[in-house]
Amino acid sequence: MLFWGFNFVSMKILFPVMAPSAVVFWRYFIMGAVLVLICAASRQSLRIPVEHRTAILLTGFFSMGIYMVLFFEGVKRAPAGESAIILATNPIMVGVMSMILGREPKSTARVLGSLVALVGVALVVLGRPDALVVSKETSERFVGDVLLFLSAIAWATSVILAKPVSAHVKPLPLFTMSMLGGLPVVAIYGFAEAFRVNWGAFNAWHWANLAQIALGSGVIAMVFYYRGVAELPASVASLHQFLVPVLTTLFAAMILHERLAWVQGFGVGVLLVGLSVNVGLIKLTKKSDPGDQKPEPLLGSEARP
């Protein structure tokens, strides 16, 4: 969670010397190479089962392709803390889409929790100073917020696609193999800018944050996350989703000097309450229908690549 929480700040530090598209491009290949080596060292097969090939590639298309473009472009325009708060809606998107598709039973508690959480996000977005004042800055931030919201939907789509496959393929090889699906998007999005980077403009702080984005949040955090999910009860593992926006807000305040207005702080509280109801940490009634039971954490449903 520390890696994922700091990731938003690292991006803000790196963007002045490296375009978002270039970061996505180089991160993809650095991260992919390391993950392949880890799978080889741990003797985990990277052979894609024929019967699951389409689902795995589509998972990567959305998670390592579409999501990445929307995510990085969104963070470029929106404050780091605000970005993390909006992305905390990932589990909500997964739950709603699962119910719509009939993957999970319909749940009144989850629907109400989702609505409350979205109200919290609205307070965070609209509660910032001068949010309703028309200007280039507010327009850019609004576009960033919309892109981040769409990125949460893209990630949720990848989770829905990956869930059936996760019963047959181990998490780390599945995630590594799925990266192939995102390659066309990454290549189109980042190839040109990737070779225009002025590496001479980098200082040690820039290199450290590039390593954090590619290896810290992209590899170490993912490996630790899946190991933690395997070792912990689902109820404990799902609690981590609350830490990312809180940690990001703290890091952004310390390093980027970002501050949340009191309305935004209240919105964060509303969001956390909604998420708590959504994942079953807060029960609305003593007796609930099967759909109101706490859901098992889906593969990558809370993860932040």
Protein backbone atom coordinates (compact mmCIF):
# COMPACT_ATOMS: atom_id res chain seq x y z
CA MET A 1 0.00 0.00 0.00
CA LEU A 2 2.95 2.33 0.61
CA PHE A 3 4.16 1.76 -2.95
CA TRP A 4 0.71 2.29 -4.45
CA GLY A 5 0.01 5.31 -2.24
CA PHE A 6 3.27 7.00 -3.25
CA ASN A 7 2.78 6.15 -6.93
CA PHE A 8 0.56 9.18 -7.57
CA VAL A 9 3.21 11.49 -6.10
CA SER A 10 5.96 9.83 -8.16
CA MET A 11 4.01 10.50 -11.32
CA LYS A 12 3.66 14.19 -10.47
CA ILE A 13 7.41 14.41 -9.84
CA LEU A 14 8.27 12.69 -13.11
CA PHE A 15 5.83 14.40 -15.49
CA PRO A 16 7.80 17.67 -15.81
CA VAL A 17 10.71 15.77 -17.40
CA MET A 18 8.86 12.86 -19.01
CA ALA A 19 5.52 12.80 -20.85
CA PRO A 20 2.87 10.44 -19.40
CA SER A 21 2.89 8.40 -22.61
CA ALA A 22 6.66 7.90 -22.36
CA VAL A 23 6.34 6.82 -18.72
CA VAL A 24 3.69 4.26 -19.67
CA PHE A 25 5.87 2.94 -22.52
CA TRP A 26 9.10 2.44 -20.56
CA ARG A 27 7.26 1.26 -17.47
CA TYR A 28 5.51 -1.42 -19.52
CA PHE A 29 8.73 -2.96 -20.83
CA ILE A 30 10.72 -2.64 -17.59
CA MET A 31 7.87 -4.07 -15.55
CA GLY A 32 7.16 -6.83 -18.08
CA ALA A 33 10.79 -7.95 -18.26
CA VAL A 34 11.09 -8.18 -14.48
CA LEU A 35 7.80 -10.06 -14.11
CA VAL A 36 8.89 -12.60 -16.74
CA LEU A 37 12.16 -13.14 -14.83
CA ILE A 38 10.27 -13.59 -11.55
CA CYS A 39 7.94 -16.14 -13.12
CA ALA A 40 10.90 -17.99 -14.65
CA ALA A 41 12.83 -17.97 -11.36
CA SER A 42 9.81 -19.30 -9.48
CA ARG A 43 9.13 -21.84 -12.25
CA GLN A 44 5.65 -20.55 -12.99
CA SER A 45 4.61 -21.30 -16.56
CA LEU A 46 3.78 -18.39 -18.87
CA ARG A 47 2.11 -20.56 -21.47
CA ILE A 48 -1.32 -19.13 -22.23
CA PRO A 49 -4.02 -21.84 -22.14
CA VAL A 50 -5.77 -21.85 -25.50
CA GLU A 51 -9.22 -21.93 -23.94
CA HIS A 52 -8.47 -18.79 -21.89
CA ARG A 53 -6.36 -16.90 -24.42
CA THR A 54 -9.04 -14.43 -25.50
CA ALA A 55 -10.07 -13.59 -21.93
CA ILE A 56 -6.46 -13.12 -20.81
CA LEU A 57 -5.57 -10.86 -23.73
CA LEU A 58 -8.74 -8.80 -23.29
CA THR A 59 -7.91 -8.47 -19.59
CA GLY A 60 -4.54 -6.98 -20.50
CA PHE A 61 -6.06 -4.81 -23.21
CA PHE A 62 -8.20 -3.08 -20.59
CA SER A 63 -5.86 -3.21 -17.56
CA MET A 64 -2.44 -2.59 -19.13
CA GLY A 65 -3.71 -0.67 -22.15
CA ILE A 66 -6.89 1.40 -21.89
CA TYR A 67 -6.64 1.80 -18.11
CA MET A 68 -3.05 3.01 -18.28
CA VAL A 69 -3.78 5.69 -20.87
CA LEU A 70 -6.79 7.02 -18.95
CA PHE A 71 -5.04 6.73 -15.58
CA PHE A 72 -1.83 8.55 -16.50
CA GLU A 73 -3.60 11.26 -18.48
CA GLY A 74 -6.00 11.74 -15.57
CA VAL A 75 -3.27 12.04 -12.94
CA LYS A 76 -1.46 14.53 -15.18
CA ARG A 77 -4.45 16.88 -14.92
CA ALA A 78 -5.81 16.23 -11.41
CA PRO A 79 -4.12 16.58 -8.00
CA ALA A 80 -2.45 13.43 -6.69
CA GLY A 81 -4.64 13.06 -3.62
CA GLU A 82 -7.82 13.69 -5.57
CA SER A 83 -6.75 11.10 -8.16
CA ALA A 84 -6.29 8.40 -5.53
CA ILE A 85 -9.65 9.23 -3.95
CA ILE A 86 -11.47 8.87 -7.27
CA LEU A 87 -9.72 5.57 -8.01
CA ALA A 88 -10.91 4.24 -4.66
CA THR A 89 -14.19 3.64 -6.48
CA ASN A 90 -12.64 0.61 -8.25
CA PRO A 91 -14.32 -1.98 -5.98
CA ILE A 92 -17.64 -0.20 -6.50
CA MET A 93 -17.33 -0.49 -10.27
CA VAL A 94 -16.46 -4.18 -9.95
CA GLY A 95 -19.41 -4.86 -7.66
CA VAL A 96 -21.94 -2.98 -9.79
CA MET A 97 -20.75 -4.60 -13.02
CA SER A 98 -20.79 -8.05 -11.38
CA MET A 99 -24.40 -7.57 -10.30
CA ILE A 100 -25.45 -6.25 -13.71
CA LEU A 101 -23.87 -9.25 -15.44
CA GLY A 102 -25.37 -11.68 -12.93
CA ARG A 103 -21.95 -12.74 -11.59
CA GLU A 104 -23.04 -11.82 -8.05
CA PRO A 105 -26.49 -11.68 -6.41
CA LYS A 106 -28.12 -8.27 -6.31
CA SER A 107 -27.57 -6.52 -3.00
CA THR A 108 -29.43 -3.52 -1.62
CA ALA A 109 -26.57 -2.78 0.76
CA ARG A 110 -23.98 -2.73 -2.02
CA VAL A 111 -26.14 -0.46 -4.19
CA LEU A 112 -26.68 1.98 -1.32
CA GLY A 113 -23.01 1.81 -0.38
CA SER A 114 -22.04 2.57 -3.96
CA LEU A 115 -24.36 5.59 -4.10
CA VAL A 116 -23.00 6.94 -0.81
CA ALA A 117 -19.42 6.47 -2.02
CA LEU A 118 -20.14 8.28 -5.28
CA VAL A 119 -21.64 11.18 -3.29
CA GLY A 120 -18.34 11.29 -1.39
CA VAL A 121 -16.40 11.44 -4.66
CA ALA A 122 -18.67 14.26 -5.88
CA LEU A 123 -17.93 16.22 -2.70
CA VAL A 124 -14.20 15.73 -3.23
CA VAL A 125 -14.39 16.93 -6.85
CA LEU A 126 -16.81 19.82 -6.32
CA GLY A 127 -15.62 20.78 -2.85
CA ARG A 128 -12.23 22.11 -3.90
CA PRO A 129 -11.79 25.90 -3.95
CA ASP A 130 -13.01 27.57 -7.16
CA ALA A 131 -14.29 24.23 -8.48
CA LEU A 132 -17.25 25.94 -10.16
CA VAL A 133 -15.25 28.86 -11.53
CA VAL A 134 -14.76 28.48 -15.28
CA SER A 135 -11.05 28.64 -16.10
CA LYS A 136 -8.40 26.68 -17.96
CA GLU A 137 -7.16 25.17 -14.70
CA THR A 138 -10.58 24.03 -13.47
CA SER A 139 -11.43 22.66 -16.92
CA GLU A 140 -8.19 20.64 -16.96
CA ARG A 141 -8.88 19.26 -13.50
CA PHE A 142 -12.42 18.33 -14.46
CA VAL A 143 -11.16 16.49 -17.55
CA GLY A 144 -8.64 14.71 -15.33
CA ASP A 145 -11.39 13.67 -12.91
CA VAL A 146 -13.50 12.28 -15.77
CA LEU A 147 -10.53 10.35 -17.19
CA LEU A 148 -9.80 8.85 -13.77
CA PHE A 149 -13.42 7.82 -13.34
CA LEU A 150 -13.34 6.16 -16.76
CA SER A 151 -10.06 4.46 -15.83
CA ALA A 152 -11.79 2.92 -12.80
CA ILE A 153 -14.42 1.49 -15.15
CA ALA A 154 -11.70 0.14 -17.48
CA TRP A 155 -9.92 -1.57 -14.58
CA ALA A 156 -13.20 -3.02 -13.31
CA THR A 157 -13.83 -4.44 -16.79
CA SER A 158 -10.46 -6.19 -16.69
CA VAL A 159 -11.28 -7.67 -13.28
CA ILE A 160 -14.59 -9.05 -14.54
CA LEU A 161 -12.80 -10.63 -17.50
CA ALA A 162 -10.02 -12.10 -15.34
CA LYS A 163 -12.19 -13.56 -12.59
CA PRO A 164 -13.24 -16.80 -14.39
CA VAL A 165 -9.65 -17.39 -15.58
CA SER A 166 -8.19 -16.88 -12.09
CA ALA A 167 -9.66 -20.22 -11.04
CA HIS A 168 -7.36 -21.97 -13.56
CA VAL A 169 -4.21 -19.79 -13.73
CA LYS A 170 -2.11 -18.51 -10.85
CA PRO A 171 -2.34 -14.73 -10.25
CA LEU A 172 1.23 -13.70 -11.10
CA PRO A 173 1.49 -15.61 -14.40
CA LEU A 174 -2.02 -14.48 -15.30
CA PHE A 175 -1.12 -10.83 -14.75
CA THR A 176 2.18 -11.23 -16.63
CA MET A 177 0.59 -13.02 -19.59
CA SER A 178 -2.23 -10.47 -19.78
CA MET A 179 0.29 -7.71 -20.46
CA LEU A 180 0.52 -8.89 -24.08
CA GLY A 181 -3.04 -7.69 -24.58
CA GLY A 182 -2.05 -4.13 -23.67
CA LEU A 183 0.98 -4.00 -25.98
CA PRO A 184 -0.81 -2.50 -29.03
CA VAL A 185 -2.32 0.30 -26.93
CA VAL A 186 0.98 1.06 -25.18
CA ALA A 187 2.88 1.07 -28.49
CA ILE A 188 0.45 3.43 -30.20
CA TYR A 189 0.18 5.70 -27.17
CA GLY A 190 3.81 5.93 -26.12
CA PHE A 191 6.23 4.98 -28.91
CA ALA A 192 6.84 8.48 -30.31
CA GLU A 193 7.29 10.22 -26.95
CA ALA A 194 9.36 7.37 -25.52
CA PHE A 195 12.26 8.23 -27.83
CA ARG A 196 12.03 11.97 -27.26
CA VAL A 197 12.83 11.78 -23.56
CA ASN A 198 15.73 13.98 -22.52
CA TRP A 199 17.44 11.56 -20.15
CA GLY A 200 20.10 14.17 -19.40
CA ALA A 201 17.47 16.26 -17.60
CA PHE A 202 17.00 13.52 -15.01
CA ASN A 203 18.45 13.88 -11.53
CA ALA A 204 18.66 11.20 -8.85
CA TRP A 205 15.17 12.06 -7.58
CA HIS A 206 13.68 11.57 -11.04
CA TRP A 207 15.42 8.20 -11.49
CA ALA A 208 14.24 7.08 -8.05
CA ASN A 209 10.64 7.92 -8.89
CA LEU A 210 10.82 6.21 -12.28
CA ALA A 211 12.08 3.11 -10.47
CA GLN A 212 9.22 3.45 -7.99
CA ILE A 213 6.63 3.64 -10.78
CA ALA A 214 8.07 0.76 -12.83
CA LEU A 215 9.40 -1.55 -10.12
CA GLY A 216 7.96 -0.38 -6.80
CA SER A 217 4.29 -0.12 -7.64
CA GLY A 218 4.45 -2.23 -10.80
CA VAL A 219 6.32 -5.29 -9.53
CA ILE A 220 7.10 -5.32 -5.79
CA ALA A 221 3.66 -4.11 -4.72
CA MET A 222 1.92 -6.57 -7.03
CA VAL A 223 3.97 -9.54 -5.77
CA PHE A 224 3.43 -8.54 -2.13
CA TYR A 225 -0.28 -7.95 -2.75
CA TYR A 226 -0.95 -11.38 -4.22
CA ARG A 227 1.14 -13.03 -1.50
CA GLY A 228 -0.87 -11.13 1.11
CA VAL A 229 -4.19 -12.15 -0.45
CA ALA A 230 -3.05 -15.78 -0.32
CA GLU A 231 -2.03 -15.55 3.35
CA LEU A 232 -4.86 -13.44 4.78
CA PRO A 233 -8.62 -13.84 5.14
CA ALA A 234 -10.60 -12.06 2.43
CA SER A 235 -12.07 -9.65 4.99
CA VAL A 236 -8.60 -8.49 6.04
CA ALA A 237 -7.20 -8.36 2.51
CA SER A 238 -10.05 -6.13 1.34
CA LEU A 239 -9.23 -3.52 3.99
CA HIS A 240 -6.19 -2.33 2.03
CA GLN A 241 -8.39 -0.33 -0.37
CA PHE A 242 -8.91 2.22 2.41
CA LEU A 243 -5.20 2.86 2.81
CA VAL A 244 -4.27 4.01 -0.70
CA PRO A 245 -6.21 7.32 -0.84
CA VAL A 246 -5.26 8.12 2.76
CA LEU A 247 -1.56 7.44 2.16
CA THR A 248 -1.58 9.36 -1.12
CA THR A 249 -3.22 12.37 0.52
CA LEU A 250 -0.56 12.34 3.27
CA PHE A 251 2.34 11.95 0.82
CA ALA A 252 0.91 14.67 -1.45
CA ALA A 253 0.61 17.04 1.51
CA MET A 254 4.19 16.40 2.65
CA ILE A 255 5.93 16.44 -0.73
CA LEU A 256 3.68 18.29 -3.18
CA HIS A 257 2.10 20.61 -0.57
CA GLU A 258 -1.40 19.69 -1.71
CA ARG A 259 -4.22 20.42 0.69
CA LEU A 260 -7.81 19.21 0.82
CA ALA A 261 -10.54 21.74 1.60
CA TRP A 262 -12.78 20.84 4.55
CA VAL A 263 -15.61 19.88 2.18
CA GLN A 264 -13.25 17.50 0.39
CA GLY A 265 -12.15 16.01 3.69
CA PHE A 266 -15.81 15.43 4.55
CA GLY A 267 -16.24 13.85 1.13
CA VAL A 268 -13.40 11.41 1.86
CA GLY A 269 -15.22 10.39 5.04
CA VAL A 270 -18.46 9.84 3.11
CA LEU A 271 -16.56 7.82 0.50
CA LEU A 272 -15.01 5.56 3.14
CA VAL A 273 -18.40 4.99 4.76
CA GLY A 274 -19.87 4.05 1.38
CA LEU A 275 -16.98 1.68 0.65
CA SER A 276 -17.39 0.11 4.09
CA VAL A 277 -21.04 -0.62 3.38
CA ASN A 278 -20.17 -1.80 -0.13
CA VAL A 279 -17.65 -4.43 1.02
CA GLY A 280 -19.69 -5.45 4.07
CA LEU A 281 -17.58 -3.90 6.84
CA ILE A 282 -20.66 -1.91 7.91
CA LYS A 283 -23.90 -3.90 8.08
CA LEU A 284 -27.16 -2.05 7.42
CA THR A 285 -29.29 -4.78 8.99
CA LYS A 286 -28.69 -7.72 11.27
CA LYS A 287 -30.24 -10.09 8.75
CA SER A 288 -29.30 -9.57 5.15
CA ASP A 289 -29.88 -11.35 1.90
CA PRO A 290 -27.07 -13.47 0.35
CA GLY A 291 -26.09 -10.60 -1.89
CA ASP A 292 -25.25 -8.47 1.13
CA GLN A 293 -22.50 -10.81 2.28
CA LYS A 294 -18.98 -9.48 2.06
CA PRO A 295 -17.61 -10.30 -1.39
CA GLU A 296 -14.38 -12.14 -1.91
CA PRO A 297 -11.68 -9.81 -3.25
CA LEU A 298 -11.52 -10.31 -7.02
CA LEU A 299 -8.22 -10.67 -8.80
CA GLY A 300 -6.73 -7.20 -8.89
CA SER A 301 -10.02 -5.57 -7.89
CA GLU A 302 -8.24 -3.20 -5.58
CA ALA A 303 -4.82 -3.25 -7.21
CA ARG A 304 -3.20 -0.15 -8.68
CA PRO A 305 -0.64 -1.04 -11.36
